[in-house]
Amino acid sequence: MNVYDFTVKDSKGNDIPLSNYKGKVLLIVNTATACGFTPQYKDLQDLYIKYQDKGFEILDFPCNQFGKQAPGTNEEIAGFCEMKYKTTFTTFAKIDVNGNHAHPLYKYLKENGKGFLGDAIKWNFTKFLIDKKGHIVRRYASITNPSKIEGAIQKLIAE
């Protein structure tokens, strides 16, 4: 099993199989638009611009479970990110990452992610780095700025 076995919804409610991303390096992030870490959107976008043509994708999953910091509809959240941070990577539908209603993708990430194995997601902007084969390489805490992951992304792109 790997991340390609899951299907998620985009911000418009369409089913998107993650198998669409086969062969790409992925950074999966649970986000929020009203969080102290929200400015990380800029750093995420910078990475995306730099590496998207080399096979890198960011999968943005808004989550309202932490202090209700992702208010609004899916389309409002996507619009906010595009307008305020000029994001061009895909913002998916809002999901739960913990608890009984946690999305199956996040259940898998938590159970199989290296670093913090099995731990609940602590806050917004937890990041999972995925290799080209759909395997979890590493989990990064919210406080890890996306720019600090760049070397690991470069390495995976080169493999």
N, C-alpha and C. Protein backbone atom coordinates (compact mmCIF):
# COMPACT_ATOMS: atom_id res chain seq x y z
N MET A 1 0.84 -1.19 0.00
CA MET A 1 0.00 0.00 0.00
C MET A 1 0.88 1.25 0.00
N ASN A 2 0.40 2.30 -0.69
CA ASN A 2 1.08 3.58 -0.67
C ASN A 2 0.05 4.69 -0.91
N VAL A 3 0.49 5.93 -1.01
CA VAL A 3 -0.46 7.04 -1.13
C VAL A 3 -1.27 6.98 -2.42
N TYR A 4 -0.76 6.28 -3.44
CA TYR A 4 -1.49 6.19 -4.70
C TYR A 4 -2.78 5.39 -4.59
N ASP A 5 -2.96 4.68 -3.49
CA ASP A 5 -4.15 3.87 -3.29
C ASP A 5 -5.36 4.68 -2.81
N PHE A 6 -5.19 5.98 -2.60
CA PHE A 6 -6.26 6.80 -2.04
C PHE A 6 -6.85 7.74 -3.08
N THR A 7 -8.10 8.08 -2.85
CA THR A 7 -8.80 9.08 -3.66
C THR A 7 -9.24 10.19 -2.72
N VAL A 8 -9.07 11.42 -3.15
CA VAL A 8 -9.45 12.58 -2.36
C VAL A 8 -10.37 13.47 -3.19
N LYS A 9 -10.94 14.47 -2.56
CA LYS A 9 -11.80 15.41 -3.28
C LYS A 9 -11.07 16.74 -3.45
N ASP A 10 -11.22 17.33 -4.62
CA ASP A 10 -10.65 18.66 -4.83
C ASP A 10 -11.59 19.70 -4.24
N SER A 11 -11.23 20.96 -4.33
CA SER A 11 -12.03 22.02 -3.70
C SER A 11 -13.41 22.18 -4.32
N LYS A 12 -13.63 21.57 -5.47
CA LYS A 12 -14.95 21.62 -6.12
C LYS A 12 -15.76 20.35 -5.90
N GLY A 13 -15.19 19.39 -5.12
CA GLY A 13 -15.91 18.17 -4.79
C GLY A 13 -15.69 17.02 -5.75
N ASN A 14 -14.79 17.17 -6.71
CA ASN A 14 -14.49 16.10 -7.66
C ASN A 14 -13.53 15.09 -7.04
N ASP A 15 -13.75 13.81 -7.33
CA ASP A 15 -12.85 12.77 -6.88
C ASP A 15 -11.54 12.83 -7.67
N ILE A 16 -10.42 12.82 -6.95
CA ILE A 16 -9.10 12.85 -7.56
C ILE A 16 -8.30 11.66 -7.03
N PRO A 17 -8.03 10.67 -7.89
CA PRO A 17 -7.19 9.56 -7.44
C PRO A 17 -5.74 10.05 -7.31
N LEU A 18 -5.12 9.73 -6.19
CA LEU A 18 -3.73 10.15 -6.00
C LEU A 18 -2.80 9.39 -6.93
N SER A 19 -3.30 8.35 -7.58
CA SER A 19 -2.50 7.67 -8.60
C SER A 19 -2.18 8.61 -9.77
N ASN A 20 -2.92 9.71 -9.88
CA ASN A 20 -2.62 10.73 -10.89
C ASN A 20 -1.23 11.32 -10.69
N TYR A 21 -0.69 11.17 -9.48
CA TYR A 21 0.60 11.77 -9.14
C TYR A 21 1.75 10.76 -9.17
N LYS A 22 1.51 9.58 -9.73
CA LYS A 22 2.57 8.57 -9.80
C LYS A 22 3.81 9.15 -10.46
N GLY A 23 4.96 8.80 -9.89
CA GLY A 23 6.22 9.25 -10.46
C GLY A 23 6.65 10.64 -10.05
N LYS A 24 5.87 11.29 -9.16
CA LYS A 24 6.21 12.64 -8.70
C LYS A 24 6.58 12.61 -7.22
N VAL A 25 7.40 13.55 -6.84
CA VAL A 25 7.70 13.77 -5.42
C VAL A 25 6.58 14.65 -4.87
N LEU A 26 6.02 14.26 -3.74
CA LEU A 26 4.87 14.98 -3.16
C LEU A 26 5.19 15.52 -1.78
N LEU A 27 4.63 16.67 -1.49
CA LEU A 27 4.61 17.19 -0.14
C LEU A 27 3.15 17.36 0.22
N ILE A 28 2.67 16.55 1.16
CA ILE A 28 1.27 16.57 1.59
C ILE A 28 1.22 17.38 2.88
N VAL A 29 0.35 18.40 2.90
CA VAL A 29 0.31 19.35 4.02
C VAL A 29 -1.13 19.60 4.44
N ASN A 30 -1.39 19.52 5.76
CA ASN A 30 -2.69 19.97 6.26
C ASN A 30 -2.53 21.45 6.63
N THR A 31 -3.41 22.27 6.12
CA THR A 31 -3.23 23.72 6.21
C THR A 31 -4.42 24.41 6.86
N ALA A 32 -4.24 25.70 7.10
CA ALA A 32 -5.31 26.56 7.62
C ALA A 32 -5.02 27.99 7.18
N THR A 33 -6.05 28.75 6.98
CA THR A 33 -5.89 30.11 6.47
C THR A 33 -5.81 31.17 7.55
N ALA A 34 -6.06 30.79 8.81
CA ALA A 34 -6.04 31.77 9.90
C ALA A 34 -5.17 31.27 11.05
N CYS A 35 -3.99 30.81 10.72
CA CYS A 35 -3.08 30.18 11.68
C CYS A 35 -1.77 30.96 11.71
N GLY A 36 -1.05 30.87 12.79
CA GLY A 36 0.25 31.51 12.87
C GLY A 36 1.23 30.97 11.83
N PHE A 37 0.99 29.75 11.34
CA PHE A 37 1.85 29.15 10.32
C PHE A 37 1.36 29.43 8.90
N THR A 38 0.24 30.11 8.75
CA THR A 38 -0.31 30.38 7.42
C THR A 38 0.69 31.04 6.47
N PRO A 39 1.59 31.91 6.93
CA PRO A 39 2.58 32.47 6.00
C PRO A 39 3.48 31.41 5.34
N GLN A 40 3.46 30.17 5.83
CA GLN A 40 4.21 29.11 5.16
C GLN A 40 3.70 28.88 3.74
N TYR A 41 2.48 29.32 3.44
CA TYR A 41 1.98 29.21 2.07
C TYR A 41 2.96 29.85 1.08
N LYS A 42 3.57 30.97 1.46
CA LYS A 42 4.52 31.64 0.58
C LYS A 42 5.72 30.74 0.31
N ASP A 43 6.25 30.13 1.35
CA ASP A 43 7.40 29.24 1.19
C ASP A 43 7.04 27.97 0.42
N LEU A 44 5.83 27.48 0.64
CA LEU A 44 5.37 26.33 -0.14
C LEU A 44 5.30 26.70 -1.62
N GLN A 45 4.73 27.86 -1.91
CA GLN A 45 4.62 28.30 -3.30
C GLN A 45 6.00 28.51 -3.93
N ASP A 46 6.94 29.06 -3.17
CA ASP A 46 8.31 29.23 -3.68
C ASP A 46 8.91 27.88 -4.08
N LEU A 47 8.75 26.87 -3.23
CA LEU A 47 9.24 25.52 -3.56
C LEU A 47 8.54 24.98 -4.80
N TYR A 48 7.25 25.19 -4.86
CA TYR A 48 6.47 24.68 -5.98
C TYR A 48 6.94 25.29 -7.30
N ILE A 49 7.11 26.60 -7.31
CA ILE A 49 7.59 27.27 -8.52
C ILE A 49 8.95 26.72 -8.94
N LYS A 50 9.80 26.49 -7.98
CA LYS A 50 11.16 26.06 -8.25
C LYS A 50 11.24 24.62 -8.78
N TYR A 51 10.34 23.75 -8.32
CA TYR A 51 10.49 22.32 -8.63
C TYR A 51 9.32 21.67 -9.36
N GLN A 52 8.25 22.38 -9.63
CA GLN A 52 7.10 21.74 -10.26
C GLN A 52 7.44 21.14 -11.63
N ASP A 53 8.30 21.80 -12.38
CA ASP A 53 8.66 21.28 -13.70
C ASP A 53 9.67 20.14 -13.64
N LYS A 54 10.10 19.81 -12.42
CA LYS A 54 11.02 18.69 -12.22
C LYS A 54 10.31 17.49 -11.59
N GLY A 55 8.98 17.57 -11.50
CA GLY A 55 8.23 16.44 -10.96
C GLY A 55 7.87 16.54 -9.49
N PHE A 56 7.63 17.75 -9.01
CA PHE A 56 7.27 17.99 -7.60
C PHE A 56 5.87 18.57 -7.53
N GLU A 57 5.08 18.05 -6.59
CA GLU A 57 3.72 18.56 -6.37
C GLU A 57 3.48 18.76 -4.89
N ILE A 58 2.71 19.78 -4.58
CA ILE A 58 2.24 20.02 -3.22
C ILE A 58 0.75 19.74 -3.19
N LEU A 59 0.34 18.93 -2.22
CA LEU A 59 -1.08 18.60 -2.03
C LEU A 59 -1.53 19.26 -0.73
N ASP A 60 -2.37 20.26 -0.88
CA ASP A 60 -2.81 21.13 0.22
C ASP A 60 -4.18 20.67 0.70
N PHE A 61 -4.24 20.22 1.97
CA PHE A 61 -5.49 19.76 2.56
C PHE A 61 -5.88 20.66 3.73
N PRO A 62 -6.76 21.63 3.51
CA PRO A 62 -7.23 22.46 4.62
C PRO A 62 -7.90 21.60 5.69
N CYS A 63 -7.68 22.00 6.94
CA CYS A 63 -8.23 21.26 8.07
C CYS A 63 -8.69 22.27 9.12
N ASN A 64 -9.91 22.13 9.58
CA ASN A 64 -10.49 23.07 10.54
C ASN A 64 -10.49 22.51 11.96
N GLN A 65 -9.71 21.45 12.20
CA GLN A 65 -9.73 20.79 13.51
C GLN A 65 -8.90 21.50 14.57
N PHE A 66 -8.04 22.41 14.20
CA PHE A 66 -7.14 23.04 15.15
C PHE A 66 -7.54 24.51 15.33
N GLY A 67 -8.29 24.78 16.37
CA GLY A 67 -8.70 26.14 16.66
C GLY A 67 -9.63 26.75 15.62
N LYS A 68 -10.27 25.90 14.83
CA LYS A 68 -11.20 26.38 13.78
C LYS A 68 -10.52 27.43 12.90
N GLN A 69 -9.25 27.15 12.53
CA GLN A 69 -8.45 28.11 11.79
C GLN A 69 -8.53 27.96 10.27
N ALA A 70 -9.46 27.13 9.80
CA ALA A 70 -9.70 27.02 8.36
C ALA A 70 -11.19 27.23 8.10
N PRO A 71 -11.68 28.44 8.42
CA PRO A 71 -13.10 28.71 8.20
C PRO A 71 -13.39 28.89 6.71
N GLY A 72 -14.66 28.81 6.39
CA GLY A 72 -15.07 29.05 5.02
C GLY A 72 -15.26 27.77 4.24
N THR A 73 -15.78 27.95 3.03
CA THR A 73 -16.01 26.81 2.14
C THR A 73 -14.70 26.42 1.48
N ASN A 74 -14.72 25.28 0.85
CA ASN A 74 -13.54 24.82 0.11
C ASN A 74 -13.12 25.84 -0.94
N GLU A 75 -14.08 26.37 -1.67
CA GLU A 75 -13.77 27.33 -2.73
C GLU A 75 -13.27 28.65 -2.15
N GLU A 76 -13.80 29.07 -1.00
CA GLU A 76 -13.31 30.30 -0.35
C GLU A 76 -11.86 30.14 0.10
N ILE A 77 -11.55 28.98 0.65
CA ILE A 77 -10.19 28.71 1.11
C ILE A 77 -9.23 28.73 -0.08
N ALA A 78 -9.59 28.02 -1.15
CA ALA A 78 -8.73 27.99 -2.34
C ALA A 78 -8.55 29.40 -2.90
N GLY A 79 -9.62 30.17 -2.94
CA GLY A 79 -9.55 31.55 -3.43
C GLY A 79 -8.65 32.42 -2.57
N PHE A 80 -8.75 32.28 -1.25
CA PHE A 80 -7.89 33.03 -0.33
C PHE A 80 -6.42 32.74 -0.62
N CYS A 81 -6.09 31.46 -0.75
CA CYS A 81 -4.69 31.07 -0.98
C CYS A 81 -4.17 31.63 -2.30
N GLU A 82 -5.01 31.57 -3.32
CA GLU A 82 -4.61 32.07 -4.64
C GLU A 82 -4.41 33.59 -4.61
N MET A 83 -5.31 34.29 -3.93
CA MET A 83 -5.23 35.76 -3.91
C MET A 83 -4.12 36.26 -2.99
N LYS A 84 -4.06 35.74 -1.76
CA LYS A 84 -3.12 36.28 -0.77
C LYS A 84 -1.69 35.77 -0.97
N TYR A 85 -1.55 34.48 -1.34
CA TYR A 85 -0.22 33.89 -1.44
C TYR A 85 0.13 33.46 -2.87
N LYS A 86 -0.76 33.74 -3.81
CA LYS A 86 -0.52 33.44 -5.23
C LYS A 86 -0.23 31.95 -5.46
N THR A 87 -0.88 31.08 -4.67
CA THR A 87 -0.64 29.65 -4.82
C THR A 87 -1.15 29.15 -6.16
N THR A 88 -0.38 28.24 -6.72
CA THR A 88 -0.79 27.59 -7.97
C THR A 88 -0.85 26.07 -7.82
N PHE A 89 -0.44 25.56 -6.65
CA PHE A 89 -0.60 24.13 -6.39
C PHE A 89 -2.04 23.85 -6.00
N THR A 90 -2.42 22.59 -6.01
CA THR A 90 -3.82 22.21 -5.79
C THR A 90 -4.21 22.27 -4.32
N THR A 91 -5.29 22.99 -4.05
CA THR A 91 -5.92 22.98 -2.74
C THR A 91 -7.10 22.03 -2.83
N PHE A 92 -7.09 21.01 -1.99
CA PHE A 92 -8.15 20.01 -1.99
C PHE A 92 -9.27 20.42 -1.04
N ALA A 93 -10.28 19.57 -0.92
CA ALA A 93 -11.40 19.82 -0.01
C ALA A 93 -10.91 19.71 1.44
N LYS A 94 -11.56 20.46 2.30
CA LYS A 94 -11.28 20.43 3.73
C LYS A 94 -11.50 19.01 4.26
N ILE A 95 -10.59 18.56 5.12
CA ILE A 95 -10.69 17.21 5.69
C ILE A 95 -10.38 17.24 7.18
N ASP A 96 -10.70 16.14 7.84
CA ASP A 96 -10.24 15.90 9.20
C ASP A 96 -8.98 15.04 9.10
N VAL A 97 -8.02 15.33 9.96
CA VAL A 97 -6.77 14.56 9.97
C VAL A 97 -6.64 13.69 11.22
N ASN A 98 -7.46 13.94 12.22
CA ASN A 98 -7.48 13.18 13.46
C ASN A 98 -8.91 12.76 13.78
N GLY A 99 -9.02 11.80 14.70
CA GLY A 99 -10.34 11.42 15.21
C GLY A 99 -11.06 10.41 14.35
N ASN A 100 -12.31 10.18 14.73
CA ASN A 100 -13.13 9.16 14.07
C ASN A 100 -13.41 9.46 12.61
N HIS A 101 -13.37 10.74 12.24
CA HIS A 101 -13.68 11.13 10.86
C HIS A 101 -12.44 11.48 10.05
N ALA A 102 -11.27 11.09 10.56
CA ALA A 102 -10.03 11.37 9.84
C ALA A 102 -10.08 10.72 8.46
N HIS A 103 -9.62 11.45 7.46
CA HIS A 103 -9.59 10.91 6.11
C HIS A 103 -8.67 9.68 6.08
N PRO A 104 -9.04 8.64 5.33
CA PRO A 104 -8.21 7.44 5.25
C PRO A 104 -6.75 7.73 4.84
N LEU A 105 -6.55 8.72 3.99
CA LEU A 105 -5.17 9.09 3.62
C LEU A 105 -4.38 9.48 4.85
N TYR A 106 -4.97 10.29 5.72
CA TYR A 106 -4.26 10.73 6.91
C TYR A 106 -4.11 9.62 7.95
N LYS A 107 -5.05 8.71 8.00
CA LYS A 107 -4.88 7.54 8.87
C LYS A 107 -3.64 6.77 8.41
N TYR A 108 -3.53 6.58 7.11
CA TYR A 108 -2.37 5.87 6.55
C TYR A 108 -1.08 6.64 6.82
N LEU A 109 -1.07 7.94 6.58
CA LEU A 109 0.14 8.75 6.79
C LEU A 109 0.61 8.67 8.24
N LYS A 110 -0.32 8.78 9.17
CA LYS A 110 0.05 8.74 10.59
C LYS A 110 0.57 7.36 11.01
N GLU A 111 -0.02 6.32 10.46
CA GLU A 111 0.36 4.96 10.85
C GLU A 111 1.67 4.51 10.19
N ASN A 112 2.04 5.14 9.09
CA ASN A 112 3.19 4.68 8.33
C ASN A 112 4.30 5.71 8.13
N GLY A 113 4.08 6.93 8.61
CA GLY A 113 5.05 8.00 8.41
C GLY A 113 6.26 7.89 9.31
N LYS A 114 7.42 8.08 8.75
CA LYS A 114 8.66 8.05 9.54
C LYS A 114 8.80 9.36 10.30
N GLY A 115 9.13 9.27 11.57
CA GLY A 115 9.17 10.45 12.43
C GLY A 115 7.77 10.65 12.99
N PHE A 116 7.61 10.64 14.27
CA PHE A 116 6.32 10.80 14.94
C PHE A 116 5.37 9.66 14.60
N LEU A 117 5.90 8.46 14.36
CA LEU A 117 5.11 7.32 13.91
C LEU A 117 3.90 7.09 14.80
N GLY A 118 2.73 7.07 14.18
CA GLY A 118 1.50 6.79 14.89
C GLY A 118 0.92 7.95 15.67
N ASP A 119 1.67 9.02 15.82
CA ASP A 119 1.18 10.16 16.59
C ASP A 119 0.08 10.90 15.83
N ALA A 120 -0.84 11.45 16.60
CA ALA A 120 -1.85 12.32 16.01
C ALA A 120 -1.16 13.54 15.41
N ILE A 121 -1.82 14.13 14.43
CA ILE A 121 -1.33 15.39 13.88
C ILE A 121 -1.52 16.42 14.99
N LYS A 122 -0.46 17.16 15.30
CA LYS A 122 -0.49 18.09 16.42
C LYS A 122 -1.10 19.45 16.06
N TRP A 123 -0.88 19.89 14.80
CA TRP A 123 -1.36 21.22 14.42
C TRP A 123 -1.35 21.36 12.91
N ASN A 124 -1.79 22.51 12.45
CA ASN A 124 -1.77 22.83 11.03
C ASN A 124 -0.34 22.84 10.50
N PHE A 125 -0.20 22.59 9.23
CA PHE A 125 1.07 22.63 8.50
C PHE A 125 2.05 21.52 8.88
N THR A 126 1.50 20.37 9.30
CA THR A 126 2.30 19.16 9.39
C THR A 126 2.52 18.69 7.95
N LYS A 127 3.74 18.25 7.65
CA LYS A 127 4.10 17.94 6.26
C LYS A 127 4.59 16.51 6.14
N PHE A 128 4.18 15.84 5.07
CA PHE A 128 4.63 14.50 4.74
C PHE A 128 5.30 14.54 3.38
N LEU A 129 6.56 14.10 3.32
CA LEU A 129 7.31 14.04 2.08
C LEU A 129 7.19 12.63 1.51
N ILE A 130 6.79 12.55 0.25
CA ILE A 130 6.50 11.28 -0.41
C ILE A 130 7.43 11.12 -1.62
N ASP A 131 8.00 9.93 -1.78
CA ASP A 131 8.90 9.70 -2.92
C ASP A 131 8.11 9.38 -4.20
N LYS A 132 8.82 9.19 -5.29
CA LYS A 132 8.20 8.97 -6.61
C LYS A 132 7.44 7.66 -6.69
N LYS A 133 7.65 6.76 -5.73
CA LYS A 133 6.94 5.48 -5.72
C LYS A 133 5.73 5.50 -4.80
N GLY A 134 5.46 6.67 -4.20
CA GLY A 134 4.29 6.80 -3.33
C GLY A 134 4.54 6.41 -1.89
N HIS A 135 5.81 6.25 -1.50
CA HIS A 135 6.14 5.87 -0.13
C HIS A 135 6.49 7.10 0.71
N ILE A 136 6.13 7.04 1.96
CA ILE A 136 6.40 8.14 2.89
C ILE A 136 7.89 8.13 3.22
N VAL A 137 8.52 9.27 3.01
CA VAL A 137 9.94 9.41 3.32
C VAL A 137 10.12 9.97 4.72
N ARG A 138 9.33 11.01 5.04
CA ARG A 138 9.49 11.65 6.34
C ARG A 138 8.28 12.53 6.66
N ARG A 139 8.04 12.66 7.95
CA ARG A 139 7.03 13.57 8.47
C ARG A 139 7.75 14.74 9.14
N TYR A 140 7.26 15.95 8.87
CA TYR A 140 7.84 17.16 9.44
C TYR A 140 6.79 17.89 10.28
N ALA A 141 7.22 18.42 11.40
CA ALA A 141 6.32 19.15 12.30
C ALA A 141 5.93 20.50 11.70
N SER A 142 4.88 21.07 12.25
CA SER A 142 4.37 22.37 11.80
C SER A 142 5.43 23.45 11.80
N ILE A 143 6.31 23.42 12.79
CA ILE A 143 7.30 24.49 12.93
C ILE A 143 8.40 24.40 11.87
N THR A 144 8.48 23.27 11.16
CA THR A 144 9.50 23.13 10.11
C THR A 144 9.08 23.95 8.91
N ASN A 145 9.87 24.98 8.62
CA ASN A 145 9.58 25.81 7.45
C ASN A 145 9.82 24.98 6.19
N PRO A 146 8.94 25.11 5.21
CA PRO A 146 9.12 24.34 3.96
C PRO A 146 10.50 24.51 3.32
N SER A 147 11.12 25.66 3.49
CA SER A 147 12.44 25.87 2.89
C SER A 147 13.48 24.91 3.47
N LYS A 148 13.26 24.43 4.69
CA LYS A 148 14.18 23.49 5.34
C LYS A 148 14.08 22.08 4.75
N ILE A 149 13.05 21.84 3.96
CA ILE A 149 12.82 20.53 3.35
C ILE A 149 13.40 20.48 1.93
N GLU A 150 13.86 21.61 1.43
CA GLU A 150 14.29 21.71 0.03
C GLU A 150 15.36 20.69 -0.33
N GLY A 151 16.36 20.50 0.51
CA GLY A 151 17.42 19.55 0.21
C GLY A 151 16.88 18.13 0.03
N ALA A 152 15.95 17.74 0.88
CA ALA A 152 15.34 16.41 0.78
C ALA A 152 14.53 16.28 -0.51
N ILE A 153 13.85 17.35 -0.89
CA ILE A 153 13.07 17.35 -2.15
C ILE A 153 14.02 17.21 -3.33
N GLN A 154 15.11 17.97 -3.33
CA GLN A 154 16.09 17.88 -4.42
C GLN A 154 16.62 16.46 -4.56
N LYS A 155 16.93 15.84 -3.45
CA LYS A 155 17.47 14.48 -3.45
C LYS A 155 16.47 13.50 -4.07
N LEU A 156 15.21 13.61 -3.67
CA LEU A 156 14.20 12.70 -4.19
C LEU A 156 13.94 12.93 -5.67
N ILE A 157 13.97 14.17 -6.10
CA ILE A 157 13.77 14.48 -7.52
C ILE A 157 14.89 13.85 -8.35
N ALA A 158 16.10 13.88 -7.82
CA ALA A 158 17.27 13.36 -8.54
C ALA A 158 17.30 11.83 -8.62
N GLU A 159 16.57 11.16 -7.75
CA GLU A 159 16.58 9.68 -7.73
C GLU A 159 15.85 9.09 -8.91
